[in-house]
Amino acid sequence: MNFQLVSCRPQVGSQKSKVESQKLKGLSQKLFIKTGAERTELYKNYLKGKNIAVVANQTSVIKNNKKSFTHLVDSLLALNIKVTKVFSPEHGFRGKADAGAHVEDGIDAKTGLPILSLHGKSKKPTETQLKNIDVVVFDIQDVGVRFYTYISTLHYVMEACAELGIEVILLDRPNPNGHYIDGPVLEPEHSSFVGKHPVPVVYGMTIGEYGQLINGEKWLKNGIQCKLTVIPLKNYKHTSKYSLPIKPSPNLPNDKSINLYPSLGFFEGTTINAGRGTNTQFQVYGAPFFKKTTFSYTPKANEGAKYPKHQNKLCYGVDLRNYKHINRLDLSFLIDAYKRTPKDQKFFGKTFTIHAGTEKLQQQLEQGVSEKEIRKSWQKDLDSFKKIRKKYLIYE
């Protein structure tokens, strides 16, 4: 079904007409954005007759209507495309495993296809696993944050395929944090699965654009390049508002958590609880050792957080559920939590530098450097990254 936006010409100077025009503009973006997976006409014929492996999770769906979706794997099989196996990232094929948890291989109950974990014994597909595969189709919803590990999975999939001469078809998806670029740029000595590349915390690219960045900058092992084809989004801009129809991982349950995640994600490397073990993940933060406040919560084991920080302990802290929609990385939460933490309590953990991508941020916080000065220290690297980024953009 094709949608057609019909508008009436407003009277000159009509404030009401201007408001209506803005509403229509926003509505048209919401109606018309199509994911790469939904543009089956661009890739289905190319895949027919080939042996296909799919890299997917619970977000790899094609929208039927507002409440109904078909999983990409089911869609491909219905098109008589020969899918032989599925690779799954962190959190597993159904997206229910804890952050960082070891995920085992398995069998998909519906299709009988083997599910091979890329967050278990290996994070990179092996030569044996890719034997007789002609094309790997990659379709995972990213959230545009460096320490969100799906882009590391993309790196290893591209690297394995490049080494074996296998093509990767990447079905692009909108970046809900694509409207800005911010944060410290990762320093090479701090590269890990939690952040592999010299990019800021928030890089303002779709996963398709990011794949082109990995390839073009020769970040794969030994500078090799993958044969990569991106199936682009339709009617998408980096400023487009996009509400994810399915939560991308257990602890990002809604738009608010996704918007706050780049800023609150730093707490993963501290002793502060950022809502894991509640239903308001990455929308609150607190600790038992904060001074008593009007807001409190008690983290308990739940789906995606079997052992949350300060489990079963009353935490005092800050509720951000009604906080404004942010367009930059907000350091005020981190600075506030650091100041609330008593001197005899440990604040920084082993992974803080891995999440920040630099030792400087911890040093700046310990020295009491202002948020303005911390942000200023990022600017030179951010300007350099923006020039590199520009070469690989598909959308405005």
Foldseek 3Di string as FASTA:
>chain_A
DDDDDDDDDDDPPDPVNVVVVVVSVLVCLAVAKAWLLQPCVVPLVVQAPFEEEEEAAQLQWHDPDLPDTDHSVRVNVVSVGHYAAYEYEPCGRHQFAAGLDADCWDADPPPRHTYHYLRHPHVADDPVNCPRGAEYEYEAFDQQFQQPQVLLSVLRDQLRCLVVVHEYEYTWDAHQLLLAAAAAFADCVLADSSGHHRGGRGHNAISQLVLVLCQVVQVHPPSGHGNYHYSHITSDASPRHDWRSQQRHDQQHGSQQSQQCSQCVLQVQWLKFQQAQHPQHNQWIWDLQFPADPDKDARAADGNPNDTRNHRHITHTDGRPVPDRDNYRDNPRVLVVVVRHDPVDTTGHPCSCSSNSHPVVVVCSVVVPDPVVVRVVRPVSNVVSVVSSVVRHPHD
